Amino acid sequence: MGDEIQLFGAIAVRPAVLPIIASFETATGLSVASKWELNPRVKTQIERGEPFDLVITNPNLVRDLTATGWVLAGSQVPFGRISMGVAAKAGGRAFRVDSIEAFEHALKNAKSIAYASDGTSGGYFTGLLERLGLAAEVKPKLVPILEGRRRPAWLVAKPSWQLFR
């Protein structure tokens, strides 16, 4: 190993990991070159030969990469969890999501719902809609945001869009 560590990580963990990188570099004298992608792309790119020394991605993807020999068995260490959030347009009417029923009501009454469709959170969200029995009713309102772009907030902030009313 040289003086540089190649980190390949999921976009979702980037804000939490960047301060750790700076501390690590200061403590060790090593440098870290980082690349950030959506979780599924991390796995796909590694399988295509993307160079890395350290990968940070979802546990199920680490298991897959371990099973196919891309990740050293036994080297996995869980270190955190990422939550999902719900937001509404600034200045819009407040909504409740403090119970499953209130969350379902908010989804049913939304004019549109923007969500990051390509990443793990998008899969979780659409699976949640299925588990709640709302998929068919809510599907026409969904606005999929591709490739992890930070556009959901932009879409719902435009006057013609409103996440929850």
N, C-alpha and C. Protein backbone atom coordinates (compact mmCIF):
# COMPACT_ATOMS: atom_id res chain seq x y z
N MET A 1 0.85 -1.18 0.00
CA MET A 1 0.00 0.00 0.00
C MET A 1 0.89 1.24 0.00
N GLY A 2 0.53 2.24 -0.83
CA GLY A 2 1.29 3.47 -0.91
C GLY A 2 0.88 4.45 0.16
N ASP A 3 1.11 5.73 -0.14
CA ASP A 3 0.76 6.78 0.81
C ASP A 3 -0.66 7.30 0.61
N GLU A 4 -1.38 6.71 -0.34
CA GLU A 4 -2.74 7.15 -0.61
C GLU A 4 -3.70 5.96 -0.51
N ILE A 5 -4.81 6.19 0.16
CA ILE A 5 -5.86 5.18 0.27
C ILE A 5 -7.00 5.59 -0.64
N GLN A 6 -7.46 4.67 -1.46
CA GLN A 6 -8.57 4.94 -2.35
C GLN A 6 -9.86 4.47 -1.68
N LEU A 7 -10.68 5.44 -1.31
CA LEU A 7 -11.96 5.18 -0.65
C LEU A 7 -13.06 5.30 -1.68
N PHE A 8 -13.91 4.30 -1.74
CA PHE A 8 -15.08 4.34 -2.62
C PHE A 8 -16.29 4.21 -1.71
N GLY A 9 -17.14 5.23 -1.71
CA GLY A 9 -18.23 5.23 -0.76
C GLY A 9 -19.55 5.69 -1.33
N ALA A 10 -20.60 5.39 -0.59
CA ALA A 10 -21.95 5.79 -0.95
C ALA A 10 -22.16 7.27 -0.64
N ILE A 11 -22.84 7.95 -1.53
CA ILE A 11 -23.11 9.38 -1.36
C ILE A 11 -23.76 9.68 -0.01
N ALA A 12 -24.62 8.79 0.43
CA ALA A 12 -25.37 9.03 1.67
C ALA A 12 -24.47 9.20 2.89
N VAL A 13 -23.31 8.56 2.91
CA VAL A 13 -22.44 8.65 4.08
C VAL A 13 -21.39 9.76 3.96
N ARG A 14 -21.30 10.38 2.81
CA ARG A 14 -20.26 11.39 2.56
C ARG A 14 -20.19 12.47 3.65
N PRO A 15 -21.31 13.10 4.03
CA PRO A 15 -21.20 14.16 5.05
C PRO A 15 -20.64 13.68 6.38
N ALA A 16 -20.92 12.44 6.75
CA ALA A 16 -20.41 11.91 8.01
C ALA A 16 -18.96 11.48 7.90
N VAL A 17 -18.54 11.06 6.72
CA VAL A 17 -17.20 10.50 6.55
C VAL A 17 -16.15 11.57 6.28
N LEU A 18 -16.50 12.65 5.62
CA LEU A 18 -15.50 13.67 5.28
C LEU A 18 -14.71 14.18 6.50
N PRO A 19 -15.36 14.51 7.62
CA PRO A 19 -14.58 14.95 8.79
C PRO A 19 -13.66 13.85 9.34
N ILE A 20 -14.09 12.62 9.22
CA ILE A 20 -13.26 11.49 9.67
C ILE A 20 -12.01 11.37 8.80
N ILE A 21 -12.18 11.60 7.51
CA ILE A 21 -11.05 11.53 6.58
C ILE A 21 -9.99 12.55 6.98
N ALA A 22 -10.42 13.76 7.23
CA ALA A 22 -9.46 14.81 7.60
C ALA A 22 -8.71 14.44 8.88
N SER A 23 -9.42 13.93 9.86
CA SER A 23 -8.78 13.51 11.11
C SER A 23 -7.81 12.35 10.87
N PHE A 24 -8.23 11.39 10.05
CA PHE A 24 -7.39 10.24 9.72
C PHE A 24 -6.11 10.69 9.03
N GLU A 25 -6.24 11.58 8.05
CA GLU A 25 -5.06 12.06 7.32
C GLU A 25 -4.10 12.78 8.26
N THR A 26 -4.63 13.59 9.16
CA THR A 26 -3.78 14.30 10.12
C THR A 26 -3.07 13.32 11.04
N ALA A 27 -3.77 12.33 11.53
CA ALA A 27 -3.20 11.37 12.49
C ALA A 27 -2.19 10.42 11.86
N THR A 28 -2.38 10.06 10.58
CA THR A 28 -1.54 9.02 9.96
C THR A 28 -0.52 9.54 8.96
N GLY A 29 -0.74 10.73 8.43
CA GLY A 29 0.13 11.23 7.37
C GLY A 29 -0.21 10.65 6.00
N LEU A 30 -1.19 9.77 5.95
CA LEU A 30 -1.65 9.20 4.69
C LEU A 30 -2.69 10.13 4.07
N SER A 31 -2.86 10.03 2.77
CA SER A 31 -3.92 10.81 2.12
C SER A 31 -5.01 9.86 1.65
N VAL A 32 -6.21 10.40 1.55
CA VAL A 32 -7.35 9.61 1.13
C VAL A 32 -7.93 10.25 -0.12
N ALA A 33 -7.99 9.48 -1.19
CA ALA A 33 -8.66 9.91 -2.43
C ALA A 33 -10.04 9.26 -2.40
N SER A 34 -11.08 10.06 -2.39
CA SER A 34 -12.42 9.49 -2.25
C SER A 34 -13.23 9.68 -3.52
N LYS A 35 -14.09 8.71 -3.76
CA LYS A 35 -15.05 8.76 -4.85
C LYS A 35 -16.41 8.38 -4.25
N TRP A 36 -17.46 9.10 -4.65
CA TRP A 36 -18.79 8.92 -4.05
C TRP A 36 -19.81 8.63 -5.13
N GLU A 37 -20.59 7.59 -4.92
CA GLU A 37 -21.65 7.19 -5.86
C GLU A 37 -22.85 6.68 -5.08
N LEU A 38 -23.94 6.44 -5.77
CA LEU A 38 -25.09 5.78 -5.15
C LEU A 38 -24.69 4.35 -4.79
N ASN A 39 -25.27 3.81 -3.74
CA ASN A 39 -24.93 2.46 -3.29
C ASN A 39 -24.90 1.42 -4.41
N PRO A 40 -25.96 1.30 -5.22
CA PRO A 40 -25.92 0.27 -6.27
C PRO A 40 -24.78 0.47 -7.26
N ARG A 41 -24.43 1.73 -7.53
CA ARG A 41 -23.33 2.01 -8.47
C ARG A 41 -21.97 1.66 -7.86
N VAL A 42 -21.86 1.83 -6.55
CA VAL A 42 -20.60 1.44 -5.89
C VAL A 42 -20.33 -0.03 -6.18
N LYS A 43 -21.32 -0.86 -5.95
CA LYS A 43 -21.18 -2.30 -6.18
C LYS A 43 -20.88 -2.59 -7.65
N THR A 44 -21.66 -2.02 -8.54
CA THR A 44 -21.49 -2.26 -9.98
C THR A 44 -20.11 -1.84 -10.46
N GLN A 45 -19.67 -0.69 -10.03
CA GLN A 45 -18.37 -0.19 -10.50
C GLN A 45 -17.22 -1.02 -9.94
N ILE A 46 -17.35 -1.49 -8.71
CA ILE A 46 -16.31 -2.37 -8.15
C ILE A 46 -16.26 -3.66 -8.96
N GLU A 47 -17.43 -4.20 -9.28
CA GLU A 47 -17.48 -5.44 -10.07
C GLU A 47 -16.91 -5.24 -11.48
N ARG A 48 -16.89 -4.01 -11.95
CA ARG A 48 -16.30 -3.69 -13.26
C ARG A 48 -14.82 -3.35 -13.16
N GLY A 49 -14.27 -3.41 -11.93
CA GLY A 49 -12.85 -3.20 -11.76
C GLY A 49 -12.42 -1.84 -11.23
N GLU A 50 -13.34 -1.05 -10.74
CA GLU A 50 -13.00 0.25 -10.15
C GLU A 50 -12.01 0.02 -9.00
N PRO A 51 -10.87 0.68 -9.01
CA PRO A 51 -9.89 0.46 -7.94
C PRO A 51 -10.37 1.06 -6.61
N PHE A 52 -10.08 0.34 -5.52
CA PHE A 52 -10.42 0.83 -4.19
C PHE A 52 -9.60 0.06 -3.16
N ASP A 53 -9.35 0.71 -2.05
CA ASP A 53 -8.73 0.06 -0.89
C ASP A 53 -9.77 -0.16 0.20
N LEU A 54 -10.73 0.75 0.28
CA LEU A 54 -11.75 0.73 1.32
C LEU A 54 -13.07 1.10 0.67
N VAL A 55 -14.12 0.35 1.00
CA VAL A 55 -15.45 0.65 0.47
C VAL A 55 -16.42 0.84 1.63
N ILE A 56 -17.28 1.84 1.49
CA ILE A 56 -18.34 2.08 2.47
C ILE A 56 -19.65 2.06 1.70
N THR A 57 -20.44 1.03 1.98
CA THR A 57 -21.73 0.87 1.31
C THR A 57 -22.65 0.04 2.20
N ASN A 58 -23.83 -0.24 1.72
CA ASN A 58 -24.80 -0.99 2.52
C ASN A 58 -24.32 -2.41 2.82
N PRO A 59 -24.70 -2.94 3.99
CA PRO A 59 -24.26 -4.29 4.38
C PRO A 59 -24.61 -5.37 3.36
N ASN A 60 -25.80 -5.30 2.74
CA ASN A 60 -26.15 -6.33 1.77
C ASN A 60 -25.23 -6.28 0.55
N LEU A 61 -24.79 -5.10 0.17
CA LEU A 61 -23.87 -4.98 -0.97
C LEU A 61 -22.47 -5.45 -0.59
N VAL A 62 -22.07 -5.19 0.64
CA VAL A 62 -20.78 -5.70 1.13
C VAL A 62 -20.81 -7.23 1.13
N ARG A 63 -21.92 -7.81 1.57
CA ARG A 63 -22.05 -9.28 1.53
C ARG A 63 -21.91 -9.81 0.11
N ASP A 64 -22.58 -9.16 -0.83
CA ASP A 64 -22.48 -9.57 -2.23
C ASP A 64 -21.05 -9.47 -2.74
N LEU A 65 -20.38 -8.36 -2.42
CA LEU A 65 -19.00 -8.16 -2.87
C LEU A 65 -18.04 -9.15 -2.20
N THR A 66 -18.35 -9.52 -0.98
CA THR A 66 -17.54 -10.54 -0.28
C THR A 66 -17.75 -11.90 -0.94
N ALA A 67 -18.99 -12.23 -1.24
CA ALA A 67 -19.31 -13.53 -1.85
C ALA A 67 -18.65 -13.70 -3.21
N THR A 68 -18.47 -12.59 -3.92
CA THR A 68 -17.85 -12.67 -5.25
C THR A 68 -16.35 -12.41 -5.21
N GLY A 69 -15.79 -12.23 -4.01
CA GLY A 69 -14.35 -12.09 -3.87
C GLY A 69 -13.79 -10.69 -4.01
N TRP A 70 -14.62 -9.68 -4.15
CA TRP A 70 -14.13 -8.31 -4.28
C TRP A 70 -13.78 -7.68 -2.94
N VAL A 71 -14.39 -8.17 -1.87
CA VAL A 71 -14.11 -7.66 -0.52
C VAL A 71 -13.58 -8.82 0.32
N LEU A 72 -12.57 -8.54 1.10
CA LEU A 72 -11.95 -9.54 1.97
C LEU A 72 -12.92 -9.98 3.06
N ALA A 73 -13.21 -11.27 3.11
CA ALA A 73 -14.12 -11.81 4.13
C ALA A 73 -13.58 -11.49 5.52
N GLY A 74 -14.47 -11.09 6.40
CA GLY A 74 -14.10 -10.77 7.77
C GLY A 74 -13.62 -9.35 7.97
N SER A 75 -13.51 -8.57 6.91
CA SER A 75 -13.03 -7.20 7.05
C SER A 75 -14.15 -6.19 7.26
N GLN A 76 -15.40 -6.64 7.22
CA GLN A 76 -16.54 -5.75 7.35
C GLN A 76 -16.72 -5.29 8.79
N VAL A 77 -17.01 -4.00 8.93
CA VAL A 77 -17.27 -3.43 10.25
C VAL A 77 -18.44 -2.44 10.12
N PRO A 78 -19.57 -2.74 10.75
CA PRO A 78 -20.66 -1.75 10.71
C PRO A 78 -20.29 -0.54 11.56
N PHE A 79 -20.66 0.65 11.09
CA PHE A 79 -20.29 1.82 11.88
C PHE A 79 -21.37 2.88 11.97
N GLY A 80 -22.53 2.66 11.40
CA GLY A 80 -23.56 3.68 11.52
C GLY A 80 -24.82 3.28 10.80
N ARG A 81 -25.82 4.13 10.95
CA ARG A 81 -27.11 3.95 10.26
C ARG A 81 -27.50 5.29 9.66
N ILE A 82 -28.23 5.21 8.58
CA ILE A 82 -28.72 6.42 7.93
C ILE A 82 -30.24 6.36 7.93
N SER A 83 -30.85 7.43 8.36
CA SER A 83 -32.31 7.51 8.39
C SER A 83 -32.83 8.19 7.14
N MET A 84 -34.09 7.98 6.87
CA MET A 84 -34.75 8.68 5.78
C MET A 84 -35.56 9.82 6.38
N GLY A 85 -35.81 10.82 5.58
CA GLY A 85 -36.58 11.96 6.06
C GLY A 85 -37.70 12.30 5.11
N VAL A 86 -38.61 13.11 5.59
CA VAL A 86 -39.73 13.62 4.82
C VAL A 86 -39.72 15.13 4.97
N ALA A 87 -39.97 15.84 3.89
CA ALA A 87 -39.97 17.30 3.94
C ALA A 87 -41.07 17.85 3.05
N ALA A 88 -41.48 19.06 3.35
CA ALA A 88 -42.49 19.75 2.55
C ALA A 88 -41.94 21.09 2.10
N LYS A 89 -42.57 21.64 1.11
CA LYS A 89 -42.19 22.94 0.55
C LYS A 89 -42.26 24.01 1.65
N ALA A 90 -41.25 24.87 1.70
CA ALA A 90 -41.26 25.98 2.64
C ALA A 90 -42.49 26.85 2.38
N GLY A 91 -43.16 27.23 3.44
CA GLY A 91 -44.35 28.06 3.31
C GLY A 91 -45.62 27.26 3.06
N GLY A 92 -45.46 25.97 2.85
CA GLY A 92 -46.63 25.12 2.63
C GLY A 92 -47.32 24.78 3.94
N ARG A 93 -48.45 24.13 3.83
CA ARG A 93 -49.19 23.72 5.01
C ARG A 93 -48.44 22.62 5.75
N ALA A 94 -48.45 22.67 7.05
CA ALA A 94 -47.79 21.65 7.87
C ALA A 94 -48.53 20.33 7.71
N PHE A 95 -47.81 19.24 7.89
CA PHE A 95 -48.40 17.92 7.82
C PHE A 95 -47.86 17.09 8.97
N ARG A 96 -48.58 16.05 9.30
CA ARG A 96 -48.17 15.17 10.40
C ARG A 96 -47.68 13.86 9.82
N VAL A 97 -46.63 13.32 10.43
CA VAL A 97 -46.15 11.98 10.10
C VAL A 97 -45.75 11.26 11.39
N ASP A 98 -46.46 11.58 12.47
CA ASP A 98 -46.11 11.03 13.78
C ASP A 98 -46.74 9.67 14.05
N SER A 99 -47.42 9.14 13.07
CA SER A 99 -47.97 7.78 13.17
C SER A 99 -48.06 7.23 11.76
N ILE A 100 -48.23 5.94 11.66
CA ILE A 100 -48.37 5.32 10.33
C ILE A 100 -49.60 5.87 9.63
N GLU A 101 -50.69 6.02 10.37
CA GLU A 101 -51.92 6.53 9.79
C GLU A 101 -51.73 7.96 9.27
N ALA A 102 -51.06 8.80 10.04
CA ALA A 102 -50.82 10.18 9.62
C ALA A 102 -49.91 10.22 8.38
N PHE A 103 -48.89 9.37 8.35
CA PHE A 103 -47.99 9.29 7.20
C PHE A 103 -48.77 8.85 5.96
N GLU A 104 -49.60 7.82 6.11
CA GLU A 104 -50.42 7.35 4.99
C GLU A 104 -51.34 8.46 4.49
N HIS A 105 -51.96 9.19 5.42
CA HIS A 105 -52.84 10.31 5.07
C HIS A 105 -52.07 11.37 4.28
N ALA A 106 -50.87 11.70 4.73
CA ALA A 106 -50.06 12.70 4.04
C ALA A 106 -49.73 12.23 2.62
N LEU A 107 -49.36 10.98 2.46
CA LEU A 107 -49.05 10.45 1.13
C LEU A 107 -50.27 10.48 0.22
N LYS A 108 -51.40 10.08 0.75
CA LYS A 108 -52.63 10.04 -0.05
C LYS A 108 -53.07 11.43 -0.49
N ASN A 109 -52.78 12.45 0.33
CA ASN A 109 -53.23 13.80 0.03
C ASN A 109 -52.19 14.65 -0.68
N ALA A 110 -51.03 14.10 -0.93
CA ALA A 110 -49.98 14.84 -1.64
C ALA A 110 -50.36 15.00 -3.11
N LYS A 111 -50.03 16.14 -3.68
CA LYS A 111 -50.22 16.33 -5.12
C LYS A 111 -49.10 15.63 -5.88
N SER A 112 -47.89 15.70 -5.35
CA SER A 112 -46.74 15.03 -5.95
C SER A 112 -45.74 14.68 -4.86
N ILE A 113 -44.95 13.65 -5.14
CA ILE A 113 -43.96 13.17 -4.18
C ILE A 113 -42.67 12.91 -4.94
N ALA A 114 -41.66 13.73 -4.69
CA ALA A 114 -40.36 13.53 -5.32
C ALA A 114 -39.52 12.61 -4.43
N TYR A 115 -38.79 11.70 -5.06
CA TYR A 115 -37.94 10.79 -4.29
C TYR A 115 -36.75 10.37 -5.16
N ALA A 116 -35.64 10.07 -4.51
CA ALA A 116 -34.43 9.62 -5.20
C ALA A 116 -34.64 8.16 -5.59
N SER A 117 -34.89 7.91 -6.85
CA SER A 117 -35.33 6.58 -7.27
C SER A 117 -34.19 5.58 -7.48
N ASP A 118 -33.00 6.03 -7.78
CA ASP A 118 -31.91 5.11 -8.12
C ASP A 118 -31.19 4.51 -6.93
N GLY A 119 -31.17 5.19 -5.83
CA GLY A 119 -30.41 4.73 -4.68
C GLY A 119 -31.18 3.76 -3.80
N THR A 120 -30.53 3.39 -2.73
CA THR A 120 -31.13 2.45 -1.78
C THR A 120 -32.39 3.04 -1.16
N SER A 121 -32.38 4.33 -0.89
CA SER A 121 -33.55 4.94 -0.26
C SER A 121 -34.77 4.88 -1.17
N GLY A 122 -34.58 5.01 -2.47
CA GLY A 122 -35.69 4.91 -3.40
C GLY A 122 -36.31 3.53 -3.39
N GLY A 123 -35.46 2.51 -3.36
CA GLY A 123 -35.96 1.14 -3.27
C GLY A 123 -36.69 0.91 -1.97
N TYR A 124 -36.15 1.45 -0.90
CA TYR A 124 -36.81 1.31 0.40
C TYR A 124 -38.18 1.99 0.37
N PHE A 125 -38.22 3.21 -0.18
CA PHE A 125 -39.46 3.97 -0.21
C PHE A 125 -40.54 3.26 -1.03
N THR A 126 -40.20 2.80 -2.22
CA THR A 126 -41.20 2.12 -3.04
C THR A 126 -41.63 0.80 -2.40
N GLY A 127 -40.70 0.12 -1.74
CA GLY A 127 -41.06 -1.09 -1.00
C GLY A 127 -41.98 -0.78 0.16
N LEU A 128 -41.75 0.34 0.83
CA LEU A 128 -42.61 0.77 1.93
C LEU A 128 -44.02 1.05 1.42
N LEU A 129 -44.12 1.70 0.27
CA LEU A 129 -45.45 1.94 -0.30
C LEU A 129 -46.18 0.63 -0.56
N GLU A 130 -45.45 -0.38 -1.03
CA GLU A 130 -46.05 -1.71 -1.25
C GLU A 130 -46.53 -2.30 0.08
N ARG A 131 -45.65 -2.26 1.10
CA ARG A 131 -45.99 -2.84 2.39
C ARG A 131 -47.19 -2.15 3.04
N LEU A 132 -47.33 -0.85 2.78
CA LEU A 132 -48.46 -0.10 3.33
C LEU A 132 -49.72 -0.27 2.49
N GLY A 133 -49.59 -0.90 1.35
CA GLY A 133 -50.74 -1.08 0.46
C GLY A 133 -51.12 0.18 -0.28
N LEU A 134 -50.17 1.12 -0.44
CA LEU A 134 -50.45 2.40 -1.07
C LEU A 134 -49.84 2.55 -2.46
N ALA A 135 -49.11 1.56 -2.92
CA ALA A 135 -48.35 1.70 -4.16
C ALA A 135 -49.23 2.12 -5.34
N ALA A 136 -50.33 1.44 -5.55
CA ALA A 136 -51.19 1.75 -6.70
C ALA A 136 -51.77 3.15 -6.60
N GLU A 137 -52.18 3.55 -5.40
CA GLU A 137 -52.80 4.86 -5.21
C GLU A 137 -51.79 6.00 -5.33
N VAL A 138 -50.58 5.78 -4.84
CA VAL A 138 -49.58 6.84 -4.78
C VAL A 138 -48.73 6.91 -6.06
N LYS A 139 -48.60 5.81 -6.78
CA LYS A 139 -47.72 5.75 -7.95
C LYS A 139 -47.91 6.92 -8.94
N PRO A 140 -49.13 7.33 -9.26
CA PRO A 140 -49.28 8.45 -10.20
C PRO A 140 -48.71 9.77 -9.69
N LYS A 141 -48.50 9.89 -8.39
CA LYS A 141 -47.98 11.12 -7.80
C LYS A 141 -46.46 11.14 -7.70
N LEU A 142 -45.82 10.00 -7.92
CA LEU A 142 -44.38 9.89 -7.71
C LEU A 142 -43.61 10.61 -8.81
N VAL A 143 -42.58 11.35 -8.39
CA VAL A 143 -41.67 12.02 -9.31
C VAL A 143 -40.29 11.45 -9.04
N PRO A 144 -39.87 10.44 -9.83
CA PRO A 144 -38.56 9.83 -9.58
C PRO A 144 -37.44 10.78 -9.99
N ILE A 145 -36.46 10.90 -9.11
CA ILE A 145 -35.29 11.71 -9.37
C ILE A 145 -34.14 10.74 -9.61
N LEU A 146 -33.58 10.77 -10.80
CA LEU A 146 -32.58 9.80 -11.20
C LEU A 146 -31.17 10.19 -10.80
N GLU A 147 -30.34 9.19 -10.63
CA GLU A 147 -28.89 9.33 -10.46
C GLU A 147 -28.47 10.12 -9.23
N GLY A 148 -29.27 10.12 -8.19
CA GLY A 148 -28.87 10.74 -6.93
C GLY A 148 -28.72 12.24 -6.98
N ARG A 149 -29.27 12.87 -7.98
CA ARG A 149 -29.16 14.32 -8.06
C ARG A 149 -29.93 14.93 -6.90
N ARG A 150 -29.48 16.06 -6.44
CA ARG A 150 -30.13 16.73 -5.31
C ARG A 150 -31.27 17.60 -5.81
N ARG A 151 -32.16 17.01 -6.58
CA ARG A 151 -33.23 17.77 -7.17
C ARG A 151 -34.58 17.61 -6.51
N PRO A 152 -34.83 16.63 -5.67
CA PRO A 152 -36.18 16.54 -5.10
C PRO A 152 -36.63 17.83 -4.43
N ALA A 153 -35.76 18.45 -3.66
CA ALA A 153 -36.13 19.69 -2.98
C ALA A 153 -36.42 20.79 -4.01
N TRP A 154 -35.64 20.83 -5.08
CA TRP A 154 -35.85 21.83 -6.11
C TRP A 154 -37.21 21.62 -6.77
N LEU A 155 -37.54 20.38 -7.06
CA LEU A 155 -38.81 20.09 -7.71
C LEU A 155 -39.99 20.48 -6.85
N VAL A 156 -39.95 20.13 -5.58
CA VAL A 156 -41.10 20.45 -4.73
C VAL A 156 -41.12 21.91 -4.34
N ALA A 157 -40.01 22.63 -4.48
CA ALA A 157 -39.97 24.04 -4.14
C ALA A 157 -40.58 24.90 -5.24
N LYS A 158 -40.63 24.41 -6.47
CA LYS A 158 -41.22 25.18 -7.55
C LYS A 158 -42.72 25.36 -7.27
N PRO A 159 -43.26 26.51 -7.62
CA PRO A 159 -44.67 26.76 -7.33
C PRO A 159 -45.62 25.69 -7.88
N SER A 160 -45.28 25.06 -8.98
CA SER A 160 -46.19 24.08 -9.56
C SER A 160 -46.10 22.73 -8.85
N TRP A 161 -45.17 22.58 -7.93
CA TRP A 161 -44.99 21.32 -7.22
C TRP A 161 -45.26 21.54 -5.74
N GLN A 162 -45.82 20.58 -5.11
CA GLN A 162 -45.99 20.64 -3.67
C GLN A 162 -46.02 19.22 -3.14
N LEU A 163 -45.11 18.91 -2.23
CA LEU A 163 -44.99 17.56 -1.72
C LEU A 163 -46.21 17.19 -0.90
N PHE A 164 -46.51 17.96 0.09
CA PHE A 164 -47.66 17.70 0.95
C PHE A 164 -48.45 18.98 1.08
N ARG A 165 -49.75 18.88 1.08
CA ARG A 165 -50.61 20.07 1.21
C ARG A 165 -51.31 20.05 2.54
